[in-house]
Amino acid sequence: MLIRHKLNVTILVIISYNEMMRIISRRILREFWEKHPDSTLALQTWYQDVERATWKSPADIKEFHNNASFVANNRIVFNIKGNHYRLVVVVVYQYGVVYIRFVGTHQEYSQIDVNKI
């Protein structure tokens, strides 16, 4: 990415994949908020916040979202929209990748095995 400085100097800025989180896949969130429109703003906000994050450890996630619950196999459960919905992700810290594994209502969440999904 090229950035033009006010002294008319061009500066090359290199952004590596590890500097910001990569989320796979937004489609899962979009399909959910299309069925549950009241979740749209909360899920879009979560997505944008995570996309800009640089999580290197669970402590970084707790700083971002202190109500996140950590379970087996690097799975993290987020309460979305004031605890109306649950979002389960897997984080691969080494590569800066967040895999969305599940998004749903509390009733749907109670029917899954969060450790295996």
PDB file of N, CA and C in Angstrom:
ATOM      1  N   MET A   1       0.854  -1.158   0.000  1.00  0.00           N
ATOM      2  CA  MET A   1       0.000   0.000   0.000  1.00  0.00           C
ATOM      3  C   MET A   1       0.906   1.228   0.000  1.00  0.00           C
ATOM      4  N   LEU A   2       0.600   2.190  -0.844  1.00  0.00           N
ATOM      5  CA  LEU A   2       1.376   3.421  -0.902  1.00  0.00           C
ATOM      6  C   LEU A   2       0.648   4.529  -0.165  1.00  0.00           C
ATOM      7  N   ILE A   3       1.383   5.254   0.637  1.00  0.00           N
ATOM      8  CA  ILE A   3       0.815   6.375   1.380  1.00  0.00           C
ATOM      9  C   ILE A   3       1.605   7.624   1.000  1.00  0.00           C
ATOM     10  N   ARG A   4       0.893   8.668   0.665  1.00  0.00           N
ATOM     11  CA  ARG A   4       1.535   9.917   0.273  1.00  0.00           C
ATOM     12  C   ARG A   4       1.655  10.794   1.519  1.00  0.00           C
ATOM     13  N   HIS A   5       2.870  11.157   1.869  1.00  0.00           N
ATOM     14  CA  HIS A   5       3.143  12.015   3.023  1.00  0.00           C
ATOM     15  C   HIS A   5       2.920  13.462   2.623  1.00  0.00           C
ATOM     16  N   LYS A   6       2.627  14.347   3.579  1.00  0.00           N
ATOM     17  CA  LYS A   6       2.335  15.737   3.234  1.00  0.00           C
ATOM     18  C   LYS A   6       3.560  16.487   2.697  1.00  0.00           C
ATOM     19  N   LEU A   7       4.760  15.924   2.852  1.00  0.00           N
ATOM     20  CA  LEU A   7       5.954  16.533   2.268  1.00  0.00           C
ATOM     21  C   LEU A   7       6.187  16.008   0.857  1.00  0.00           C
ATOM     22  N   ASN A   8       5.159  15.396   0.279  1.00  0.00           N
ATOM     23  CA  ASN A   8       5.189  14.864  -1.078  1.00  0.00           C
ATOM     24  C   ASN A   8       6.211  13.742  -1.234  1.00  0.00           C
ATOM     25  N   VAL A   9       6.354  12.937  -0.191  1.00  0.00           N
ATOM     26  CA  VAL A   9       7.225  11.771  -0.211  1.00  0.00           C
ATOM     27  C   VAL A   9       6.329  10.543  -0.173  1.00  0.00           C
ATOM     28  N   THR A  10       6.590   9.598  -1.031  1.00  0.00           N
ATOM     29  CA  THR A  10       5.807   8.369  -1.048  1.00  0.00           C
ATOM     30  C   THR A  10       6.450   7.358  -0.113  1.00  0.00           C
ATOM     31  N   ILE A  11       5.641   6.786   0.765  1.00  0.00           N
ATOM     32  CA  ILE A  11       6.123   5.811   1.737  1.00  0.00           C
ATOM     33  C   ILE A  11       5.441   4.483   1.425  1.00  0.00           C
ATOM     34  N   LEU A  12       6.209   3.425   1.341  1.00  0.00           N
ATOM     35  CA  LEU A  12       5.667   2.100   1.111  1.00  0.00           C
ATOM     36  C   LEU A  12       5.393   1.452   2.461  1.00  0.00           C
ATOM     37  N   VAL A  13       4.161   1.055   2.677  1.00  0.00           N
ATOM     38  CA  VAL A  13       3.775   0.401   3.918  1.00  0.00           C
ATOM     39  C   VAL A  13       3.474  -1.053   3.600  1.00  0.00           C
ATOM     40  N   ILE A  14       4.165  -1.953   4.265  1.00  0.00           N
ATOM     41  CA  ILE A  14       3.953  -3.374   4.039  1.00  0.00           C
ATOM     42  C   ILE A  14       3.186  -3.937   5.228  1.00  0.00           C
ATOM     43  N   ILE A  15       2.057  -4.579   4.924  1.00  0.00           N
ATOM     44  CA  ILE A  15       1.241  -5.196   5.958  1.00  0.00           C
ATOM     45  C   ILE A  15       1.309  -6.699   5.763  1.00  0.00           C
ATOM     46  N   SER A  16       1.763  -7.396   6.776  1.00  0.00           N
ATOM     47  CA  SER A  16       1.816  -8.849   6.662  1.00  0.00           C
ATOM     48  C   SER A  16       0.520  -9.439   7.185  1.00  0.00           C
ATOM     49  N   TYR A  17       0.266 -10.711   6.852  1.00  0.00           N
ATOM     50  CA  TYR A  17      -0.957 -11.366   7.285  1.00  0.00           C
ATOM     51  C   TYR A  17      -1.056 -11.469   8.800  1.00  0.00           C
ATOM     52  N   ASN A  18       0.063 -11.523   9.505  1.00  0.00           N
ATOM     53  CA  ASN A  18       0.027 -11.689  10.948  1.00  0.00           C
ATOM     54  C   ASN A  18      -0.285 -10.401  11.705  1.00  0.00           C
ATOM     55  N   GLU A  19      -0.302  -9.269  11.031  1.00  0.00           N
ATOM     56  CA  GLU A  19      -0.538  -8.022  11.728  1.00  0.00           C
ATOM     57  C   GLU A  19      -2.006  -7.787  12.043  1.00  0.00           C
ATOM     58  N   MET A  20      -2.890  -8.353  11.261  1.00  0.00           N
ATOM     59  CA  MET A  20      -4.323  -8.223  11.532  1.00  0.00           C
ATOM     60  C   MET A  20      -4.954  -9.598  11.399  1.00  0.00           C
ATOM     61  N   MET A  21      -6.050  -9.793  12.085  1.00  0.00           N
ATOM     62  CA  MET A  21      -6.711 -11.086  12.056  1.00  0.00           C
ATOM     63  C   MET A  21      -7.448 -11.277  10.738  1.00  0.00           C
ATOM     64  N   ARG A  22      -7.394 -12.477  10.250  1.00  0.00           N
ATOM     65  CA  ARG A  22      -8.130 -12.877   9.056  1.00  0.00           C
ATOM     66  C   ARG A  22      -9.276 -13.761   9.503  1.00  0.00           C
ATOM     67  N   ILE A  23     -10.491 -13.443   9.097  1.00  0.00           N
ATOM     68  CA  ILE A  23     -11.675 -14.164   9.559  1.00  0.00           C
ATOM     69  C   ILE A  23     -12.232 -15.004   8.415  1.00  0.00           C
ATOM     70  N   ILE A  24     -12.449 -16.271   8.712  1.00  0.00           N
ATOM     71  CA  ILE A  24     -12.995 -17.198   7.722  1.00  0.00           C
ATOM     72  C   ILE A  24     -14.256 -17.815   8.328  1.00  0.00           C
ATOM     73  N   SER A  25     -15.389 -17.545   7.891  1.00  0.00           N
ATOM     74  CA  SER A  25     -15.793 -16.784   6.753  1.00  0.00           C
ATOM     75  C   SER A  25     -16.941 -15.848   7.142  1.00  0.00           C
ATOM     76  N   ARG A  26     -16.937 -14.694   6.553  1.00  0.00           N
ATOM     77  CA  ARG A  26     -17.985 -13.703   6.827  1.00  0.00           C
ATOM     78  C   ARG A  26     -19.349 -14.189   6.332  1.00  0.00           C
ATOM     79  N   ARG A  27     -19.326 -15.040   5.317  1.00  0.00           N
ATOM     80  CA  ARG A  27     -20.570 -15.568   4.751  1.00  0.00           C
ATOM     81  C   ARG A  27     -21.452 -16.217   5.827  1.00  0.00           C
ATOM     82  N   ILE A  28     -20.840 -16.939   6.756  1.00  0.00           N
ATOM     83  CA  ILE A  28     -21.594 -17.590   7.828  1.00  0.00           C
ATOM     84  C   ILE A  28     -22.338 -16.543   8.653  1.00  0.00           C
ATOM     85  N   LEU A  29     -21.659 -15.454   8.972  1.00  0.00           N
ATOM     86  CA  LEU A  29     -22.300 -14.382   9.747  1.00  0.00           C
ATOM     87  C   LEU A  29     -23.417 -13.730   8.939  1.00  0.00           C
ATOM     88  N   ARG A  30     -23.136 -13.441   7.668  1.00  0.00           N
ATOM     89  CA  ARG A  30     -24.136 -12.790   6.817  1.00  0.00           C
ATOM     90  C   ARG A  30     -25.402 -13.642   6.689  1.00  0.00           C
ATOM     91  N   GLU A  31     -25.244 -14.921   6.471  1.00  0.00           N
ATOM     92  CA  GLU A  31     -26.403 -15.803   6.361  1.00  0.00           C
ATOM     93  C   GLU A  31     -27.215 -15.802   7.656  1.00  0.00           C
ATOM     94  N   PHE A  32     -26.508 -15.732   8.791  1.00  0.00           N
ATOM     95  CA  PHE A  32     -27.207 -15.709  10.073  1.00  0.00           C
ATOM     96  C   PHE A  32     -27.963 -14.403  10.260  1.00  0.00           C
ATOM     97  N   TRP A  33     -27.302 -13.254   9.988  1.00  0.00           N
ATOM     98  CA  TRP A  33     -28.001 -11.988  10.234  1.00  0.00           C
ATOM     99  C   TRP A  33     -29.136 -11.763   9.243  1.00  0.00           C
ATOM    100  N   GLU A  34     -29.100 -12.419   8.095  1.00  0.00           N
ATOM    101  CA  GLU A  34     -30.237 -12.328   7.175  1.00  0.00           C
ATOM    102  C   GLU A  34     -31.465 -13.035   7.757  1.00  0.00           C
ATOM    103  N   LYS A  35     -31.249 -14.092   8.537  1.00  0.00           N
ATOM    104  CA  LYS A  35     -32.354 -14.800   9.194  1.00  0.00           C
ATOM    105  C   LYS A  35     -32.751 -14.138  10.511  1.00  0.00           C
ATOM    106  N   HIS A  36     -31.785 -13.450  11.133  1.00  0.00           N
ATOM    107  CA  HIS A  36     -32.001 -12.789  12.433  1.00  0.00           C
ATOM    108  C   HIS A  36     -31.529 -11.341  12.318  1.00  0.00           C
ATOM    109  N   PRO A  37     -32.334 -10.475  11.686  1.00  0.00           N
ATOM    110  CA  PRO A  37     -31.904  -9.094  11.422  1.00  0.00           C
ATOM    111  C   PRO A  37     -31.487  -8.308  12.667  1.00  0.00           C
ATOM    112  N   ASP A  38     -32.024  -8.671  13.826  1.00  0.00           N
ATOM    113  CA  ASP A  38     -31.648  -7.937  15.036  1.00  0.00           C
ATOM    114  C   ASP A  38     -30.195  -8.206  15.450  1.00  0.00           C
ATOM    115  N   SER A  39     -29.553  -9.195  14.848  1.00  0.00           N
ATOM    116  CA  SER A  39     -28.157  -9.501  15.160  1.00  0.00           C
ATOM    117  C   SER A  39     -27.168  -8.788  14.243  1.00  0.00           C
ATOM    118  N   THR A  40     -27.671  -8.143  13.199  1.00  0.00           N
ATOM    119  CA  THR A  40     -26.811  -7.580  12.155  1.00  0.00           C
ATOM    120  C   THR A  40     -25.761  -6.625  12.708  1.00  0.00           C
ATOM    121  N   LEU A  41     -26.166  -5.611  13.419  1.00  0.00           N
ATOM    122  CA  LEU A  41     -25.226  -4.607  13.914  1.00  0.00           C
ATOM    123  C   LEU A  41     -24.188  -5.230  14.849  1.00  0.00           C
ATOM    124  N   ALA A  42     -24.632  -6.081  15.745  1.00  0.00           N
ATOM    125  CA  ALA A  42     -23.707  -6.699  16.705  1.00  0.00           C
ATOM    126  C   ALA A  42     -22.682  -7.584  15.993  1.00  0.00           C
ATOM    127  N   LEU A  43     -23.122  -8.371  15.013  1.00  0.00           N
ATOM    128  CA  LEU A  43     -22.193  -9.248  14.294  1.00  0.00           C
ATOM    129  C   LEU A  43     -21.258  -8.451  13.389  1.00  0.00           C
ATOM    130  N   GLN A  44     -21.762  -7.414  12.752  1.00  0.00           N
ATOM    131  CA  GLN A  44     -20.890  -6.581  11.916  1.00  0.00           C
ATOM    132  C   GLN A  44     -19.846  -5.863  12.765  1.00  0.00           C
ATOM    133  N   THR A  45     -20.258  -5.397  13.926  1.00  0.00           N
ATOM    134  CA  THR A  45     -19.318  -4.737  14.834  1.00  0.00           C
ATOM    135  C   THR A  45     -18.253  -5.717  15.307  1.00  0.00           C
ATOM    136  N   TRP A  46     -18.680  -6.930  15.709  1.00  0.00           N
ATOM    137  CA  TRP A  46     -17.727  -7.963  16.125  1.00  0.00           C
ATOM    138  C   TRP A  46     -16.726  -8.228  15.006  1.00  0.00           C
ATOM    139  N   TYR A  47     -17.222  -8.402  13.796  1.00  0.00           N
ATOM    140  CA  TYR A  47     -16.372  -8.694  12.645  1.00  0.00           C
ATOM    141  C   TYR A  47     -15.342  -7.586  12.428  1.00  0.00           C
ATOM    142  N   GLN A  48     -15.786  -6.353  12.423  1.00  0.00           N
ATOM    143  CA  GLN A  48     -14.875  -5.231  12.191  1.00  0.00           C
ATOM    144  C   GLN A  48     -13.835  -5.113  13.304  1.00  0.00           C
ATOM    145  N   ASP A  49     -14.252  -5.312  14.540  1.00  0.00           N
ATOM    146  CA  ASP A  49     -13.315  -5.250  15.664  1.00  0.00           C
ATOM    147  C   ASP A  49     -12.260  -6.342  15.575  1.00  0.00           C
ATOM    148  N   VAL A  50     -12.684  -7.557  15.244  1.00  0.00           N
ATOM    149  CA  VAL A  50     -11.746  -8.676  15.159  1.00  0.00           C
ATOM    150  C   VAL A  50     -10.819  -8.512  13.968  1.00  0.00           C
ATOM    151  N   GLU A  51     -11.350  -8.030  12.869  1.00  0.00           N
ATOM    152  CA  GLU A  51     -10.550  -7.823  11.667  1.00  0.00           C
ATOM    153  C   GLU A  51      -9.369  -6.880  11.940  1.00  0.00           C
ATOM    154  N   ARG A  52      -9.564  -5.916  12.813  1.00  0.00           N
ATOM    155  CA  ARG A  52      -8.510  -4.949  13.147  1.00  0.00           C
ATOM    156  C   ARG A  52      -7.625  -5.403  14.308  1.00  0.00           C
ATOM    157  N   ALA A  53      -8.014  -6.498  14.964  1.00  0.00           N
ATOM    158  CA  ALA A  53      -7.283  -6.967  16.138  1.00  0.00           C
ATOM    159  C   ALA A  53      -5.976  -7.647  15.741  1.00  0.00           C
ATOM    160  N   THR A  54      -5.105  -7.797  16.714  1.00  0.00           N
ATOM    161  CA  THR A  54      -3.853  -8.539  16.540  1.00  0.00           C
ATOM    162  C   THR A  54      -3.713  -9.493  17.719  1.00  0.00           C
ATOM    163  N   TRP A  55      -4.514 -10.537  17.703  1.00  0.00           N
ATOM    164  CA  TRP A  55      -4.507 -11.491  18.811  1.00  0.00           C
ATOM    165  C   TRP A  55      -3.316 -12.417  18.705  1.00  0.00           C
ATOM    166  N   LYS A  56      -2.511 -12.430  19.726  1.00  0.00           N
ATOM    167  CA  LYS A  56      -1.362 -13.333  19.817  1.00  0.00           C
ATOM    168  C   LYS A  56      -1.554 -14.378  20.904  1.00  0.00           C
ATOM    169  N   SER A  57      -2.566 -14.163  21.775  1.00  0.00           N
ATOM    170  CA  SER A  57      -2.803 -15.082  22.894  1.00  0.00           C
ATOM    171  C   SER A  57      -4.225 -14.872  23.410  1.00  0.00           C
ATOM    172  N   PRO A  58      -4.704 -15.798  24.251  1.00  0.00           N
ATOM    173  CA  PRO A  58      -6.029 -15.612  24.857  1.00  0.00           C
ATOM    174  C   PRO A  58      -6.146 -14.310  25.662  1.00  0.00           C
ATOM    175  N   ALA A  59      -5.059 -13.864  26.230  1.00  0.00           N
ATOM    176  CA  ALA A  59      -5.087 -12.607  26.996  1.00  0.00           C
ATOM    177  C   ALA A  59      -5.473 -11.432  26.104  1.00  0.00           C
ATOM    178  N   ASP A  60      -5.026 -11.446  24.853  1.00  0.00           N
ATOM    179  CA  ASP A  60      -5.395 -10.380  23.910  1.00  0.00           C
ATOM    180  C   ASP A  60      -6.896 -10.392  23.636  1.00  0.00           C
ATOM    181  N   ILE A  61      -7.473 -11.588  23.567  1.00  0.00           N
ATOM    182  CA  ILE A  61      -8.915 -11.700  23.331  1.00  0.00           C
ATOM    183  C   ILE A  61      -9.676 -11.191  24.547  1.00  0.00           C
ATOM    184  N   LYS A  62      -9.225 -11.534  25.740  1.00  0.00           N
ATOM    185  CA  LYS A  62      -9.887 -11.071  26.963  1.00  0.00           C
ATOM    186  C   LYS A  62      -9.871  -9.550  27.056  1.00  0.00           C
ATOM    187  N   GLU A  63      -8.809  -8.944  26.554  1.00  0.00           N
ATOM    188  CA  GLU A  63      -8.719  -7.485  26.531  1.00  0.00           C
ATOM    189  C   GLU A  63      -9.794  -6.900  25.611  1.00  0.00           C
ATOM    190  N   PHE A  64     -10.025  -7.589  24.499  1.00  0.00           N
ATOM    191  CA  PHE A  64     -11.017  -7.166  23.506  1.00  0.00           C
ATOM    192  C   PHE A  64     -12.437  -7.449  23.988  1.00  0.00           C
ATOM    193  N   HIS A  65     -12.628  -8.614  24.564  1.00  0.00           N
ATOM    194  CA  HIS A  65     -13.980  -9.064  24.929  1.00  0.00           C
ATOM    195  C   HIS A  65     -13.887  -9.850  26.227  1.00  0.00           C
ATOM    196  N   ASN A  66     -14.045  -9.159  27.350  1.00  0.00           N
ATOM    197  CA  ASN A  66     -13.808  -9.807  28.640  1.00  0.00           C
ATOM    198  C   ASN A  66     -14.820 -10.890  28.999  1.00  0.00           C
ATOM    199  N   ASN A  67     -15.915 -11.000  28.259  1.00  0.00           N
ATOM    200  CA  ASN A  67     -16.887 -12.062  28.528  1.00  0.00           C
ATOM    201  C   ASN A  67     -16.675 -13.293  27.655  1.00  0.00           C
ATOM    202  N   ALA A  68     -15.602 -13.313  26.887  1.00  0.00           N
ATOM    203  CA  ALA A  68     -15.320 -14.476  26.039  1.00  0.00           C
ATOM    204  C   ALA A  68     -15.029 -15.680  26.925  1.00  0.00           C
ATOM    205  N   SER A  69     -15.537 -16.838  26.512  1.00  0.00           N
ATOM    206  CA  SER A  69     -15.303 -18.083  27.244  1.00  0.00           C
ATOM    207  C   SER A  69     -14.382 -18.966  26.415  1.00  0.00           C
ATOM    208  N   PHE A  70     -13.344 -19.472  27.056  1.00  0.00           N
ATOM    209  CA  PHE A  70     -12.372 -20.319  26.373  1.00  0.00           C
ATOM    210  C   PHE A  70     -12.675 -21.775  26.697  1.00  0.00           C
ATOM    211  N   VAL A  71     -12.782 -22.586  25.654  1.00  0.00           N
ATOM    212  CA  VAL A  71     -13.047 -24.012  25.816  1.00  0.00           C
ATOM    213  C   VAL A  71     -11.941 -24.787  25.096  1.00  0.00           C
ATOM    214  N   ALA A  72     -12.054 -26.095  25.068  1.00  0.00           N
ATOM    215  CA  ALA A  72     -11.014 -26.950  24.488  1.00  0.00           C
ATOM    216  C   ALA A  72     -10.763 -26.646  23.013  1.00  0.00           C
ATOM    217  N   ASN A  73      -9.596 -27.068  22.540  1.00  0.00           N
ATOM    218  CA  ASN A  73      -9.223 -26.990  21.123  1.00  0.00           C
ATOM    219  C   ASN A  73      -9.222 -25.568  20.561  1.00  0.00           C
ATOM    220  N   ASN A  74      -8.767 -24.613  21.357  1.00  0.00           N
ATOM    221  CA  ASN A  74      -8.669 -23.205  20.931  1.00  0.00           C
ATOM    222  C   ASN A  74     -10.001 -22.603  20.523  1.00  0.00           C
ATOM    223  N   ARG A  75     -11.091 -23.112  21.056  1.00  0.00           N
ATOM    224  CA  ARG A  75     -12.407 -22.564  20.744  1.00  0.00           C
ATOM    225  C   ARG A  75     -12.746 -21.476  21.753  1.00  0.00           C
ATOM    226  N   ILE A  76     -13.340 -20.419  21.223  1.00  0.00           N
ATOM    227  CA  ILE A  76     -13.756 -19.294  22.051  1.00  0.00           C
ATOM    228  C   ILE A  76     -15.222 -19.040  21.765  1.00  0.00           C
ATOM    229  N   VAL A  77     -15.988 -18.837  22.839  1.00  0.00           N
ATOM    230  CA  VAL A  77     -17.414 -18.558  22.714  1.00  0.00           C
ATOM    231  C   VAL A  77     -17.631 -17.091  23.066  1.00  0.00           C
ATOM    232  N   PHE A  78     -18.254 -16.361  22.143  1.00  0.00           N
ATOM    233  CA  PHE A  78     -18.595 -14.957  22.358  1.00  0.00           C
ATOM    234  C   PHE A  78     -20.105 -14.841  22.513  1.00  0.00           C
ATOM    235  N   ASN A  79     -20.525 -14.048  23.477  1.00  0.00           N
ATOM    236  CA  ASN A  79     -21.937 -13.690  23.598  1.00  0.00           C
ATOM    237  C   ASN A  79     -22.167 -12.476  22.717  1.00  0.00           C
ATOM    238  N   ILE A  80     -23.168 -12.576  21.866  1.00  0.00           N
ATOM    239  CA  ILE A  80     -23.443 -11.528  20.886  1.00  0.00           C
ATOM    240  C   ILE A  80     -24.787 -10.886  21.194  1.00  0.00           C
ATOM    241  N   LYS A  81     -24.845  -9.585  21.038  1.00  0.00           N
ATOM    242  CA  LYS A  81     -26.055  -8.782  21.241  1.00  0.00           C
ATOM    243  C   LYS A  81     -26.626  -8.990  22.636  1.00  0.00           C
ATOM    244  N   GLY A  82     -25.799  -8.659  23.613  1.00  0.00           N
ATOM    245  CA  GLY A  82     -26.271  -8.743  24.992  1.00  0.00           C
ATOM    246  C   GLY A  82     -26.675 -10.145  25.393  1.00  0.00           C
ATOM    247  N   ASN A  83     -25.928 -11.130  24.904  1.00  0.00           N
ATOM    248  CA  ASN A  83     -26.149 -12.527  25.271  1.00  0.00           C
ATOM    249  C   ASN A  83     -27.367 -13.153  24.597  1.00  0.00           C
ATOM    250  N   HIS A  84     -27.871 -12.548  23.524  1.00  0.00           N
ATOM    251  CA  HIS A  84     -28.988 -13.141  22.777  1.00  0.00           C
ATOM    252  C   HIS A  84     -28.528 -14.273  21.877  1.00  0.00           C
ATOM    253  N   TYR A  85     -27.278 -14.181  21.388  1.00  0.00           N
ATOM    254  CA  TYR A  85     -26.743 -15.152  20.451  1.00  0.00           C
ATOM    255  C   TYR A  85     -25.361 -15.594  20.897  1.00  0.00           C
ATOM    256  N   ARG A  86     -24.924 -16.729  20.357  1.00  0.00           N
ATOM    257  CA  ARG A  86     -23.585 -17.242  20.652  1.00  0.00           C
ATOM    258  C   ARG A  86     -22.806 -17.415  19.355  1.00  0.00           C
ATOM    259  N   LEU A  87     -21.538 -17.083  19.426  1.00  0.00           N
ATOM    260  CA  LEU A  87     -20.628 -17.215  18.309  1.00  0.00           C
ATOM    261  C   LEU A  87     -19.428 -18.029  18.785  1.00  0.00           C
ATOM    262  N   VAL A  88     -19.138 -19.122  18.081  1.00  0.00           N
ATOM    263  CA  VAL A  88     -18.003 -19.977  18.436  1.00  0.00           C
ATOM    264  C   VAL A  88     -16.970 -19.867  17.322  1.00  0.00           C
ATOM    265  N   VAL A  89     -15.736 -19.597  17.717  1.00  0.00           N
ATOM    266  CA  VAL A  89     -14.645 -19.498  16.748  1.00  0.00           C
ATOM    267  C   VAL A  89     -13.471 -20.344  17.212  1.00  0.00           C
ATOM    268  N   VAL A  90     -12.602 -20.667  16.256  1.00  0.00           N
ATOM    269  CA  VAL A  90     -11.316 -21.291  16.535  1.00  0.00           C
ATOM    270  C   VAL A  90     -10.260 -20.283  16.111  1.00  0.00           C
ATOM    271  N   VAL A  91      -9.304 -20.045  16.989  1.00  0.00           N
ATOM    272  CA  VAL A  91      -8.252 -19.081  16.679  1.00  0.00           C
ATOM    273  C   VAL A  91      -6.925 -19.826  16.505  1.00  0.00           C
ATOM    274  N   VAL A  92      -6.262 -19.545  15.408  1.00  0.00           N
ATOM    275  CA  VAL A  92      -4.906 -20.056  15.180  1.00  0.00           C
ATOM    276  C   VAL A  92      -3.996 -18.835  15.306  1.00  0.00           C
ATOM    277  N   TYR A  93      -3.507 -18.628  16.511  1.00  0.00           N
ATOM    278  CA  TYR A  93      -2.743 -17.422  16.835  1.00  0.00           C
ATOM    279  C   TYR A  93      -1.515 -17.259  15.946  1.00  0.00           C
ATOM    280  N   GLN A  94      -0.816 -18.354  15.673  1.00  0.00           N
ATOM    281  CA  GLN A  94       0.424 -18.322  14.905  1.00  0.00           C
ATOM    282  C   GLN A  94       0.240 -17.664  13.537  1.00  0.00           C
ATOM    283  N   TYR A  95      -0.921 -17.883  12.923  1.00  0.00           N
ATOM    284  CA  TYR A  95      -1.175 -17.348  11.592  1.00  0.00           C
ATOM    285  C   TYR A  95      -2.158 -16.183  11.580  1.00  0.00           C
ATOM    286  N   GLY A  96      -2.673 -15.818  12.737  1.00  0.00           N
ATOM    287  CA  GLY A  96      -3.605 -14.700  12.798  1.00  0.00           C
ATOM    288  C   GLY A  96      -4.924 -14.986  12.107  1.00  0.00           C
ATOM    289  N   VAL A  97      -5.423 -16.222  12.264  1.00  0.00           N
ATOM    290  CA  VAL A  97      -6.648 -16.628  11.582  1.00  0.00           C
ATOM    291  C   VAL A  97      -7.728 -16.987  12.606  1.00  0.00           C
ATOM    292  N   VAL A  98      -8.947 -16.532  12.325  1.00  0.00           N
ATOM    293  CA  VAL A  98     -10.120 -16.850  13.141  1.00  0.00           C
ATOM    294  C   VAL A  98     -11.103 -17.594  12.241  1.00  0.00           C
ATOM    295  N   TYR A  99     -11.404 -18.828  12.615  1.00  0.00           N
ATOM    296  CA  TYR A  99     -12.369 -19.631  11.867  1.00  0.00           C
ATOM    297  C   TYR A  99     -13.698 -19.605  12.594  1.00  0.00           C
ATOM    298  N   ILE A 100     -14.740 -19.154  11.935  1.00  0.00           N
ATOM    299  CA  ILE A 100     -16.070 -19.165  12.531  1.00  0.00           C
ATOM    300  C   ILE A 100     -16.610 -20.584  12.423  1.00  0.00           C
ATOM    301  N   ARG A 101     -16.953 -21.164  13.555  1.00  0.00           N
ATOM    302  CA  ARG A 101     -17.427 -22.544  13.594  1.00  0.00           C
ATOM    303  C   ARG A 101     -18.935 -22.631  13.803  1.00  0.00           C
ATOM    304  N   PHE A 102     -19.509 -21.624  14.477  1.00  0.00           N
ATOM    305  CA  PHE A 102     -20.937 -21.671  14.784  1.00  0.00           C
ATOM    306  C   PHE A 102     -21.411 -20.283  15.156  1.00  0.00           C
ATOM    307  N   VAL A 103     -22.609 -19.946  14.730  1.00  0.00           N
ATOM    308  CA  VAL A 103     -23.318 -18.772  15.227  1.00  0.00           C
ATOM    309  C   VAL A 103     -24.781 -19.185  15.334  1.00  0.00           C
ATOM    310  N   GLY A 104     -25.390 -18.877  16.467  1.00  0.00           N
ATOM    311  CA  GLY A 104     -26.776 -19.285  16.641  1.00  0.00           C
ATOM    312  C   GLY A 104     -27.387 -18.752  17.916  1.00  0.00           C
ATOM    313  N   THR A 105     -28.616 -19.141  18.120  1.00  0.00           N
ATOM    314  CA  THR A 105     -29.341 -18.760  19.333  1.00  0.00           C
ATOM    315  C   THR A 105     -28.838 -19.620  20.488  1.00  0.00           C
ATOM    316  N   HIS A 106     -29.240 -19.273  21.702  1.00  0.00           N
ATOM    317  CA  HIS A 106     -28.860 -20.078  22.859  1.00  0.00           C
ATOM    318  C   HIS A 106     -29.445 -21.486  22.747  1.00  0.00           C
ATOM    319  N   GLN A 107     -30.640 -21.593  22.235  1.00  0.00           N
ATOM    320  CA  GLN A 107     -31.264 -22.910  22.073  1.00  0.00           C
ATOM    321  C   GLN A 107     -30.451 -23.762  21.088  1.00  0.00           C
ATOM    322  N   GLU A 108     -30.045 -23.183  19.979  1.00  0.00           N
ATOM    323  CA  GLU A 108     -29.223 -23.908  19.005  1.00  0.00           C
ATOM    324  C   GLU A 108     -27.862 -24.267  19.591  1.00  0.00           C
ATOM    325  N   TYR A 109     -27.307 -23.340  20.363  1.00  0.00           N
ATOM    326  CA  TYR A 109     -26.003 -23.569  20.998  1.00  0.00           C
ATOM    327  C   TYR A 109     -26.055 -24.747  21.967  1.00  0.00           C
ATOM    328  N   SER A 110     -27.156 -24.870  22.678  1.00  0.00           N
ATOM    329  CA  SER A 110     -27.266 -25.956  23.661  1.00  0.00           C
ATOM    330  C   SER A 110     -27.339 -27.332  22.998  1.00  0.00           C
ATOM    331  N   GLN A 111     -27.542 -27.360  21.684  1.00  0.00           N
ATOM    332  CA  GLN A 111     -27.640 -28.637  20.965  1.00  0.00           C
ATOM    333  C   GLN A 111     -26.327 -29.055  20.301  1.00  0.00           C
ATOM    334  N   ILE A 112     -25.285 -28.261  20.444  1.00  0.00           N
ATOM    335  CA  ILE A 112     -24.001 -28.610  19.821  1.00  0.00           C
ATOM    336  C   ILE A 112     -22.989 -29.001  20.887  1.00  0.00           C
ATOM    337  N   ASP A 113     -21.941 -29.683  20.464  1.00  0.00           N
ATOM    338  CA  ASP A 113     -20.809 -29.944  21.319  1.00  0.00           C
ATOM    339  C   ASP A 113     -19.735 -28.936  20.943  1.00  0.00           C
ATOM    340  N   VAL A 114     -19.617 -27.904  21.740  1.00  0.00           N
ATOM    341  CA  VAL A 114     -18.729 -26.785  21.421  1.00  0.00           C
ATOM    342  C   VAL A 114     -17.264 -27.234  21.292  1.00  0.00           C
ATOM    343  N   ASN A 115     -16.897 -28.311  21.943  1.00  0.00           N
ATOM    344  CA  ASN A 115     -15.512 -28.799  21.873  1.00  0.00           C
ATOM    345  C   ASN A 115     -15.195 -29.471  20.547  1.00  0.00           C
ATOM    346  N   LYS A 116     -16.236 -29.877  19.814  1.00  0.00           N
ATOM    347  CA  LYS A 116     -15.998 -30.629  18.580  1.00  0.00           C
ATOM    348  C   LYS A 116     -16.461 -29.905  17.313  1.00  0.00           C
ATOM    349  N   ILE A 117     -17.246 -28.889  17.462  1.00  0.00           N
ATOM    350  CA  ILE A 117     -17.790 -28.221  16.283  1.00  0.00           C
ATOM    351  C   ILE A 117     -16.710 -27.515  15.478  1.00  0.00           C
TER     352      ILE A 117
END
